[in-house]
Protein backbone atom coordinates (compact mmCIF):
# COMPACT_ATOMS: atom_id res chain seq x y z
CA MET A 1 -16.37 54.59 47.17
CA ASN A 2 -16.66 53.50 50.81
CA TYR A 3 -14.32 51.03 52.42
CA LYS A 4 -16.78 48.12 52.47
CA ASN A 5 -17.53 48.41 48.73
CA TRP A 6 -13.83 48.56 47.93
CA ILE A 7 -13.31 45.37 49.98
CA LYS A 8 -16.12 43.62 48.10
CA ILE A 9 -14.76 44.69 44.69
CA SER A 10 -11.23 43.69 45.62
CA ALA A 11 -12.40 40.34 46.92
CA GLY A 12 -14.36 39.78 43.70
CA LEU A 13 -11.33 40.61 41.59
CA ILE A 14 -9.20 38.23 43.63
CA VAL A 15 -11.76 35.45 43.14
CA ILE A 16 -11.91 36.12 39.40
CA TYR A 17 -8.11 36.10 39.22
CA LEU A 18 -7.90 32.83 41.13
CA ILE A 19 -10.53 31.22 38.92
CA PHE A 20 -8.79 32.50 35.77
CA ASP A 21 -5.40 31.37 37.04
CA SER A 22 -6.74 27.93 37.87
CA LEU A 23 -8.26 27.66 34.41
CA ILE A 24 -4.89 28.50 32.88
CA ASP A 25 -3.22 25.87 35.05
CA PHE A 26 -5.90 23.34 34.07
CA SER A 27 -5.40 24.16 30.41
CA ARG A 28 -1.66 23.81 30.77
CA SER A 29 -2.11 20.54 32.60
CA ARG A 30 -4.49 19.23 29.98
CA GLU A 31 -2.12 20.31 27.23
CA THR A 32 0.86 18.56 28.77
CA SER A 33 -1.16 15.43 29.52
CA ASP A 34 -2.71 15.15 26.05
CA LYS A 35 -1.76 11.90 24.43
CA ILE A 36 0.06 11.51 21.13
CA ARG A 37 -2.78 10.70 18.74
CA PHE A 38 -1.90 7.80 16.41
CA VAL A 39 -4.29 6.81 13.61
CA SER A 40 -3.72 3.26 12.36
CA LEU A 41 -5.10 1.52 9.26
CA ALA A 42 -4.35 -2.01 10.46
CA TRP A 43 -7.33 -4.25 9.71
CA GLN A 44 -6.16 -7.85 10.09
CA GLU A 45 -6.57 -9.13 13.63
CA GLN A 46 -2.89 -10.06 13.90
CA LEU A 47 -1.75 -6.60 12.86
CA ILE A 48 -4.21 -4.78 15.09
CA GLU A 49 -2.98 -6.85 18.04
CA ALA A 50 0.66 -6.16 17.14
CA ASN A 51 -0.07 -2.43 17.01
CA ARG A 52 -1.88 -2.43 20.34
CA GLU A 53 0.94 -4.36 22.02
CA MET A 54 3.48 -1.92 20.61
CA VAL A 55 1.52 1.08 21.90
CA ALA A 56 1.15 -0.55 25.32
CA GLN A 57 4.91 -1.13 25.53
CA TRP A 58 5.59 2.49 24.64
CA ASN A 59 3.06 3.82 27.16
CA LYS A 60 4.51 1.69 29.94
CA ALA A 61 7.97 3.08 29.26
CA ASN A 62 6.76 6.65 28.60
CA PRO A 63 3.94 7.45 31.06
CA ASP A 64 4.41 11.18 30.46
CA ARG A 65 4.12 10.77 26.66
CA GLU A 66 1.36 8.25 26.18
CA VAL A 67 0.09 7.32 22.72
CA GLU A 68 -3.64 7.10 22.02
CA TYR A 69 -4.35 4.33 19.50
CA ILE A 70 -7.12 5.31 17.05
CA GLN A 71 -8.43 2.69 14.64
CA SER A 72 -9.41 3.97 11.21
CA SER A 73 -10.07 2.30 7.85
CA TRP A 74 -8.67 2.49 4.34
CA SER A 75 -12.10 3.45 2.99
CA SER A 76 -12.45 6.57 5.14
CA ILE A 77 -8.90 7.75 5.88
CA TYR A 78 -8.53 10.08 2.88
CA ASP A 79 -11.60 12.18 3.66
CA TYR A 80 -10.74 12.16 7.38
CA LEU A 81 -7.23 13.48 6.74
CA ILE A 82 -8.26 16.15 4.24
CA THR A 83 -10.79 17.46 6.77
CA SER A 84 -8.31 17.36 9.65
CA PHE A 85 -5.60 19.15 7.63
CA GLU A 86 -7.97 22.07 7.08
CA THR A 87 -8.81 22.30 10.79
CA ASP A 88 -6.84 21.96 13.99
CA GLY A 89 -7.97 18.39 14.59
CA VAL A 90 -5.00 16.61 13.06
CA PRO A 91 -3.63 13.38 14.52
CA ASP A 92 0.02 13.52 15.53
CA ILE A 93 0.89 10.39 13.54
CA PHE A 94 -1.05 8.67 10.79
CA HIS A 95 -0.61 5.45 8.82
CA TYR A 96 -1.09 5.66 5.04
CA GLU A 97 0.62 4.86 1.73
CA SER A 98 3.38 6.54 -0.23
CA THR A 99 1.44 7.27 -3.41
CA ILE A 100 -0.94 9.52 -1.49
CA ILE A 101 1.29 11.18 1.11
CA VAL A 102 3.58 12.67 -1.53
CA ASP A 103 0.54 14.52 -2.89
CA PHE A 104 -0.32 15.66 0.67
CA ALA A 105 3.23 16.97 1.06
CA ASN A 106 2.98 18.90 -2.22
CA ARG A 107 -0.08 20.61 -0.78
CA GLY A 108 1.84 21.66 2.33
CA TYR A 109 0.17 19.37 4.87
CA LEU A 110 3.10 17.27 6.11
CA THR A 111 6.18 17.76 8.26
CA ASP A 112 9.54 17.18 6.62
CA LEU A 113 10.91 14.27 8.64
CA ALA A 114 14.45 14.39 7.21
CA PRO A 115 15.84 16.42 10.16
CA PHE A 116 14.57 13.78 12.63
CA ILE A 117 16.09 10.75 10.91
CA GLU A 118 19.26 9.33 12.43
CA GLU A 119 21.99 7.54 10.46
CA GLU A 120 21.03 4.11 11.82
CA MET A 121 17.49 4.37 10.43
CA LYS A 122 18.62 6.06 7.23
CA ASN A 123 21.14 3.32 6.41
CA ASP A 124 18.99 0.34 7.44
CA ILE A 125 15.84 1.12 5.45
CA VAL A 126 16.21 0.01 1.82
CA ASP A 127 16.88 2.70 -0.77
CA VAL A 128 13.80 1.95 -2.88
CA ALA A 129 11.57 2.47 0.16
CA TRP A 130 13.16 5.86 0.86
CA ALA A 131 12.75 6.76 -2.81
CA SER A 132 9.00 6.23 -2.49
CA VAL A 133 8.68 8.98 0.15
CA THR A 134 11.43 11.46 -0.81
CA GLN A 135 10.91 14.66 -2.80
CA PRO A 136 13.51 15.94 -5.32
CA SER A 137 14.37 18.59 -2.71
CA GLY A 138 15.32 15.88 -0.21
CA GLU A 139 12.20 16.39 1.90
CA ILE A 140 10.95 13.10 3.39
CA ASN A 141 7.19 12.89 3.84
CA GLY A 142 6.83 9.65 5.78
CA ILE A 143 8.79 6.77 7.24
CA PRO A 144 8.26 3.57 5.21
CA PHE A 145 7.76 0.34 7.13
CA LEU A 146 5.82 -2.12 4.93
CA MET A 147 6.32 -2.87 1.23
CA GLU A 148 3.95 -4.78 -1.02
CA SER A 149 5.51 -7.30 -3.38
CA TRP A 150 3.77 -8.64 -6.48
CA VAL A 151 4.03 -12.41 -6.89
CA GLY A 152 2.06 -15.37 -8.21
CA LEU A 153 0.50 -18.42 -6.58
CA TYR A 154 0.26 -21.97 -7.92
CA ASN A 155 -1.48 -25.22 -6.97
CA LYS A 156 1.32 -27.70 -6.21
CA ASP A 157 -0.85 -30.77 -6.71
CA ILE A 158 -2.05 -29.67 -10.15
CA PHE A 159 1.53 -28.88 -11.19
CA GLU A 160 2.74 -32.30 -10.02
CA ARG A 161 -0.08 -34.17 -11.80
CA ASN A 162 0.90 -32.43 -15.03
CA ASN A 163 4.67 -32.84 -14.54
CA ILE A 164 5.24 -29.08 -14.46
CA GLU A 165 8.32 -27.71 -12.72
CA PRO A 166 7.37 -24.45 -10.95
CA PRO A 167 9.42 -21.30 -11.46
CA THR A 168 12.17 -20.50 -8.97
CA ILE A 169 14.09 -17.44 -7.83
CA GLU A 170 16.90 -18.44 -10.19
CA LYS A 171 14.57 -19.38 -13.08
CA PRO A 172 11.47 -17.15 -13.03
CA TRP A 173 8.82 -17.49 -15.70
CA THR A 174 8.02 -15.05 -18.48
CA TRP A 175 4.50 -13.89 -19.26
CA GLU A 176 4.67 -16.07 -22.40
CA LYS A 177 5.50 -19.13 -20.27
CA VAL A 178 2.53 -18.42 -18.01
CA MET A 179 0.25 -18.32 -21.05
CA GLU A 180 1.68 -21.60 -22.38
CA ILE A 181 1.18 -23.38 -19.05
CA GLY A 182 -2.19 -21.70 -18.58
CA VAL A 183 -3.51 -23.27 -21.79
CA GLN A 184 -2.10 -26.66 -20.75
CA LEU A 185 -3.84 -26.55 -17.38
CA ASN A 186 -7.34 -25.74 -18.64
CA HIS A 187 -9.43 -28.85 -17.89
CA ASP A 188 -13.01 -30.05 -18.00
CA THR A 189 -12.58 -32.35 -15.02
CA ASP A 190 -16.17 -33.59 -14.84
CA GLN A 191 -16.63 -34.00 -18.62
CA ASP A 192 -19.70 -31.76 -18.82
CA GLY A 193 -18.36 -29.72 -21.72
CA ARG A 194 -17.35 -26.74 -19.60
CA ILE A 195 -13.94 -25.83 -18.19
CA ASP A 196 -13.98 -26.04 -14.42
CA GLN A 197 -10.22 -25.95 -13.80
CA TRP A 198 -8.76 -22.84 -15.38
CA GLY A 199 -5.09 -22.34 -16.03
CA ILE A 200 -5.08 -18.75 -14.75
CA GLY A 201 -7.05 -16.55 -12.39
CA MET A 202 -6.47 -12.82 -11.97
CA GLY A 203 -8.13 -10.20 -9.83
CA LEU A 204 -8.90 -7.50 -12.40
CA ARG A 205 -11.65 -5.54 -10.69
CA ASN A 206 -10.28 -2.05 -9.94
CA SER A 207 -7.03 -3.12 -11.56
CA ALA A 208 -5.26 0.22 -12.04
CA ASN A 209 -2.69 -0.58 -9.36
CA LEU A 210 -1.98 -3.99 -10.88
CA ILE A 211 -1.63 -2.60 -14.39
CA MET A 212 0.58 0.31 -13.37
CA ASN A 213 2.94 -1.75 -11.23
CA HIS A 214 3.31 -4.66 -13.68
CA SER A 215 3.61 -2.51 -16.79
CA ILE A 216 6.99 -1.38 -15.51
CA SER A 217 8.45 -4.79 -16.43
CA PHE A 218 7.33 -4.18 -20.04
CA GLY A 219 8.99 -0.76 -20.06
CA GLY A 220 5.70 1.09 -19.57
CA SER A 221 5.44 4.25 -17.49
CA PHE A 222 2.11 5.90 -18.43
CA PHE A 223 3.08 9.07 -16.54
CA THR A 224 5.70 11.48 -17.79
CA LYS A 225 6.51 15.18 -17.50
CA GLU A 226 6.18 17.55 -20.41
CA ASN A 227 6.95 21.25 -19.98
CA GLY A 228 7.12 20.71 -16.21
CA LYS A 229 3.65 19.12 -15.94
CA TYR A 230 2.50 15.52 -15.60
CA VAL A 231 0.78 13.96 -18.61
CA VAL A 232 -0.30 10.42 -19.47
CA ARG A 233 0.95 8.75 -22.63
CA VAL A 234 -0.12 5.23 -23.62
CA GLY A 235 2.25 3.81 -26.24
CA ASP A 236 3.28 0.30 -27.23
CA GLU A 237 5.08 -0.43 -23.94
CA GLU A 238 2.09 0.72 -21.88
CA LYS A 239 -0.25 -1.39 -24.02
CA ALA A 240 1.90 -4.53 -23.82
CA LEU A 241 0.50 -5.84 -20.53
CA LEU A 242 -3.06 -5.01 -21.57
CA ASN A 243 -2.52 -6.93 -24.82
CA SER A 244 -1.19 -9.90 -22.82
CA ILE A 245 -4.21 -9.91 -20.53
CA MET A 246 -6.66 -9.70 -23.41
CA LYS A 247 -4.79 -12.49 -25.22
CA MET A 248 -5.13 -14.76 -22.17
CA TYR A 249 -8.77 -13.84 -21.78
CA GLN A 250 -10.14 -13.61 -25.32
CA GLU A 251 -7.76 -15.48 -27.66
CA LEU A 252 -6.18 -18.28 -25.63
CA LYS A 253 -9.10 -18.49 -23.23
CA CYS A 254 -6.84 -19.74 -20.43
CA MET A 255 -7.98 -17.09 -17.93
CA ALA A 256 -11.15 -17.68 -15.92
CA PRO A 257 -13.83 -15.25 -17.16
CA GLU A 258 -14.84 -14.21 -13.63
CA SER A 259 -11.37 -12.67 -13.23
CA ILE A 260 -12.60 -9.41 -14.67
CA GLY A 261 -15.18 -8.97 -11.92
CA LYS A 262 -13.18 -10.08 -8.89
CA SER A 263 -10.53 -8.40 -6.79
CA GLY A 264 -7.37 -10.18 -5.69
CA THR A 265 -8.98 -10.96 -2.35
CA GLU A 266 -12.08 -12.39 -4.02
CA ILE A 267 -10.09 -14.63 -6.37
CA ILE A 268 -8.38 -16.53 -3.52
CA PRO A 269 -11.40 -18.67 -2.47
CA GLY A 270 -11.63 -20.07 -6.02
CA PHE A 271 -7.91 -20.83 -5.95
CA MET A 272 -8.37 -22.77 -2.72
CA ARG A 273 -11.18 -24.80 -4.35
CA GLY A 274 -8.89 -25.77 -7.23
CA ARG A 275 -10.69 -23.64 -9.84
CA TYR A 276 -7.49 -21.82 -10.82
CA SER A 277 -4.16 -23.60 -11.30
CA MET A 278 -2.34 -20.27 -10.96
CA VAL A 279 -3.16 -16.81 -9.68
CA ILE A 280 -0.88 -14.15 -11.17
CA GLY A 281 -0.34 -10.48 -10.44
CA ILE A 282 -1.29 -10.64 -6.79
CA GLY A 283 0.08 -9.00 -3.66
CA ALA A 284 2.17 -11.15 -1.33
CA ALA A 285 -0.15 -10.19 1.55
CA MET A 286 -2.83 -12.46 0.05
CA ARG A 287 -0.90 -15.44 1.43
CA GLN A 288 -2.52 -14.73 4.78
CA GLN A 289 -5.88 -15.88 3.44
CA LEU A 290 -4.36 -19.18 2.39
CA VAL A 291 -2.62 -19.80 5.70
CA GLU A 292 -5.75 -19.02 7.70
CA ASN A 293 -8.52 -20.35 5.46
CA ALA A 294 -7.23 -22.99 3.05
CA PRO A 295 -8.81 -26.43 3.48
CA GLU A 296 -6.70 -29.15 5.06
CA GLY A 297 -4.39 -30.76 2.52
CA PHE A 298 -4.41 -27.83 0.07
CA ASN A 299 -0.84 -27.47 -1.25
CA TRP A 300 0.20 -24.16 -2.69
CA GLY A 301 3.39 -22.34 -3.60
CA VAL A 302 4.60 -18.85 -4.45
CA MET A 303 5.91 -17.81 -7.87
CA PRO A 304 8.51 -15.02 -8.20
CA PRO A 305 7.56 -11.87 -10.14
CA LEU A 306 7.14 -12.57 -13.87
CA VAL A 307 9.69 -11.45 -16.46
CA SER A 308 9.12 -9.32 -19.53
CA LYS A 309 11.89 -6.89 -20.52
CA THR A 310 12.80 -6.90 -16.83
CA GLN A 311 11.45 -8.39 -13.62
CA LYS A 312 10.80 -4.96 -12.11
CA THR A 313 7.47 -4.10 -10.46
CA GLY A 314 6.34 -0.89 -8.82
CA ILE A 315 6.60 -0.33 -5.10
CA ASN A 316 3.93 1.09 -2.85
CA THR A 317 5.04 1.50 0.73
CA GLN A 318 2.94 1.92 3.84
CA THR A 319 4.15 4.77 5.99
CA TYR A 320 3.79 6.82 9.16
CA SER A 321 3.64 10.59 8.66
CA ILE A 322 3.35 13.64 10.94
CA PRO A 323 1.11 16.60 9.96
CA LYS A 324 2.60 20.09 10.04
CA LYS A 325 -0.13 21.16 12.47
CA SER A 326 0.85 18.56 15.06
CA LYS A 327 2.10 20.20 18.25
CA LYS A 328 3.94 17.07 19.34
CA GLN A 329 6.24 16.46 16.41
CA LYS A 330 9.31 15.45 18.42
CA ASP A 331 7.36 13.09 20.68
CA ALA A 332 5.54 11.70 17.65
CA PHE A 333 8.80 10.91 15.90
CA ASP A 334 10.23 9.34 19.03
CA PHE A 335 7.29 6.93 18.93
CA ILE A 336 7.87 6.24 15.22
CA ARG A 337 11.53 5.49 15.96
CA PHE A 338 10.41 3.01 18.63
CA ALA A 339 7.69 1.49 16.45
CA PHE A 340 10.11 0.95 13.58
CA ASN A 341 13.05 -0.63 15.33
CA THR A 342 14.06 -3.97 13.81
CA GLU A 343 12.07 -6.11 16.24
CA ASN A 344 8.83 -4.13 15.98
CA MET A 345 8.99 -3.66 12.21
CA ALA A 346 9.59 -7.37 11.71
CA LYS A 347 6.56 -8.16 13.86
CA LEU A 348 4.37 -5.68 11.95
CA ALA A 349 5.50 -7.10 8.60
CA ARG A 350 4.93 -10.72 9.61
CA SER A 351 1.51 -9.81 11.00
CA ASP A 352 0.54 -8.14 7.71
CA TRP A 353 2.27 -10.72 5.47
CA MET A 354 4.23 -7.95 3.75
CA LEU A 355 7.88 -7.02 3.38
CA PRO A 356 9.53 -4.93 6.10
CA ALA A 357 11.48 -1.89 4.94
CA ARG A 358 14.56 -2.54 7.13
CA LYS A 359 17.47 -4.55 5.76
CA SER A 360 18.14 -5.93 9.25
CA CYS A 361 14.69 -7.55 9.22
CA PHE A 362 15.60 -9.56 6.12
CA GLU A 363 18.39 -11.24 8.09
CA LEU A 364 15.93 -12.73 10.58
CA PRO A 365 15.03 -16.43 10.16
CA PRO A 366 11.27 -15.96 9.58
CA PHE A 367 11.94 -14.02 6.36
CA ASN A 368 14.32 -16.66 4.99
CA THR A 369 12.19 -19.78 5.31
CA ALA A 370 10.55 -21.63 2.46
CA ASN A 371 7.41 -21.90 4.59
CA ASP A 372 4.48 -19.98 3.08
CA GLY A 373 6.74 -18.58 0.36
CA TRP A 374 8.63 -16.15 2.59
CA GLU A 375 12.00 -16.74 0.95
CA ILE A 376 10.66 -15.94 -2.52
CA VAL A 377 8.75 -12.91 -1.22
CA THR A 378 11.83 -11.58 0.59
CA LYS A 379 14.01 -11.94 -2.51
CA SER A 380 11.42 -10.06 -4.57
CA VAL A 381 12.52 -6.83 -2.87
CA ASP A 382 15.40 -6.82 -5.39
CA HIS A 383 12.88 -6.19 -8.18
CA LEU A 384 10.93 -3.31 -6.61
CA THR A 385 11.21 0.13 -8.14
CA VAL A 386 9.46 3.48 -7.85
CA GLY A 387 6.80 4.18 -10.45
CA PRO A 388 7.00 7.47 -12.40
CA TRP A 389 3.54 8.42 -11.18
CA LEU A 390 4.75 8.99 -7.63
CA GLY A 391 3.76 12.47 -6.49
CA THR A 392 1.43 13.15 -9.40
CA PRO A 393 -1.25 15.62 -8.25
CA GLY A 394 -4.65 13.97 -8.60
CA TYR A 395 -3.31 10.41 -8.91
CA SER A 396 -5.92 9.02 -6.52
CA GLU A 397 -8.78 10.57 -8.51
CA TRP A 398 -7.19 9.40 -11.75
CA LYS A 399 -7.27 5.77 -10.61
CA GLY A 400 -10.88 5.95 -9.45
CA ARG A 401 -12.43 8.05 -12.21
CA VAL A 402 -10.35 7.27 -15.28
CA ALA A 403 -8.18 4.15 -15.14
CA ASN A 404 -10.39 1.67 -13.28
CA PRO A 405 -13.63 2.37 -15.24
CA ILE A 406 -11.91 2.33 -18.64
CA LEU A 407 -10.02 -0.87 -17.86
CA GLN A 408 -13.23 -2.54 -16.75
CA GLU A 409 -14.88 -1.62 -20.06
CA LEU A 410 -11.86 -3.00 -21.92
CA TYR A 411 -12.09 -6.36 -20.16
CA ALA A 412 -15.82 -6.45 -20.87
CA GLY A 413 -15.04 -6.26 -24.60
CA ARG A 414 -16.59 -2.87 -25.22
CA PHE A 415 -13.55 -1.65 -27.14
CA SER A 416 -10.03 -2.66 -28.16
CA VAL A 417 -6.73 -2.03 -26.35
CA ASP A 418 -5.93 0.76 -28.84
CA GLU A 419 -9.27 2.43 -28.19
CA ALA A 420 -8.78 2.07 -24.44
CA ALA A 421 -5.34 3.66 -24.74
CA GLU A 422 -6.79 6.64 -26.59
CA ARG A 423 -9.52 7.15 -24.02
CA ILE A 424 -7.08 6.84 -21.11
CA GLU A 425 -4.86 9.53 -22.61
CA ILE A 426 -7.67 11.99 -23.29
CA GLU A 427 -9.54 11.57 -20.00
CA SER A 428 -6.39 11.34 -17.87
CA ASN A 429 -5.01 14.62 -19.11
CA LEU A 430 -8.30 16.39 -18.49
CA VAL A 431 -8.12 15.29 -14.82
CA LEU A 432 -4.44 16.12 -14.44
CA SER A 433 -4.78 19.54 -16.05
CA ARG A 434 -7.29 20.55 -13.39
CA TYR A 435 -4.80 19.77 -10.62
CA GLN A 436 -1.89 21.48 -12.36
CA ARG A 437 -3.63 24.50 -13.82
CA ASN A 438 -1.96 26.97 -11.47
CA LYS A 439 1.43 25.29 -11.24
């Protein structure tokens, strides 16, 4: 090889090296400048704005660890996450709910956050919220920040016209009392032979969540473990709430018939028009619709959770979790710690009309006012408990493919409560067995 060729080859190798080295530096730079990807499920305008403000505050204080806010939706998040878990496209933080993330953790998708949690956070978040995200091993799958509370709503003017004293925190109503008052408040106000003011409205479309969470007060559990595997059993305690609903609907006829085809959200407009004197079994977050959309002069109040054997209802928390495949776990948790300090969590909860998970939030004035029922909603945290279905493999499919369709057929009168119970048992255990076959 002559000297000139050697020079050319050497020069070419140097150029290639420099290009390669610059590409490495660019890759390193890009890696270190990548933002923390945060997928949010906020959908109300107030909550979206609160989230964006929180992210902006973090980014201003942490320019080297910026968070990228990604808006997702409840209807698409499950499929998005399952796909991302199986690839390398995971977000660093995602917003979801406790009933689903425990299943994700059982499948090995989530980071155990217990080692990141400091004593201040551990002690300030209520025990029942921690219980909703903690495995028997002590592994914690997400940080809870919002809790749904199940309450009732009543029309103050209708109650006053009929000399009815509403229930209070100290004197809550039983399901039997609701039925009694429901019958009393059925009225044909325009004398056309048809009831146009119903005693009770309920949102029973896709009602599995409602049934599961309220059946706890009757002693019902539905889910239990036999020989180390989850099974569904529907006995007298599980059937008690269903019998009560069918009694209101078919026998006493104090429940508006459209209840069976409407969700909780869809029942609120009728309540605001005075069609229902009470709405029972509804999430506290529905108050937002009333505050924002009720006609001028509409007077409404909040009823504490109803009593059966107990006043207990099931908890479902909203959470932030970190996938195992995230390469920014420490930074991601630092953002969660910031997002869930007392001030930020209180703002998120108020924006979503739900309960915050921190005890220190409950001490703040906005959560202790009678305005918009906040005092009653805040006190309802004492009645929240974890349902026995938490962590059941296939629970999401069970709700969609078994519980909701069978319950809808029951309300439509296609079979009795006993027949519904039998079908729920048989079809539920077929679904569950598929998920637990190899366990």
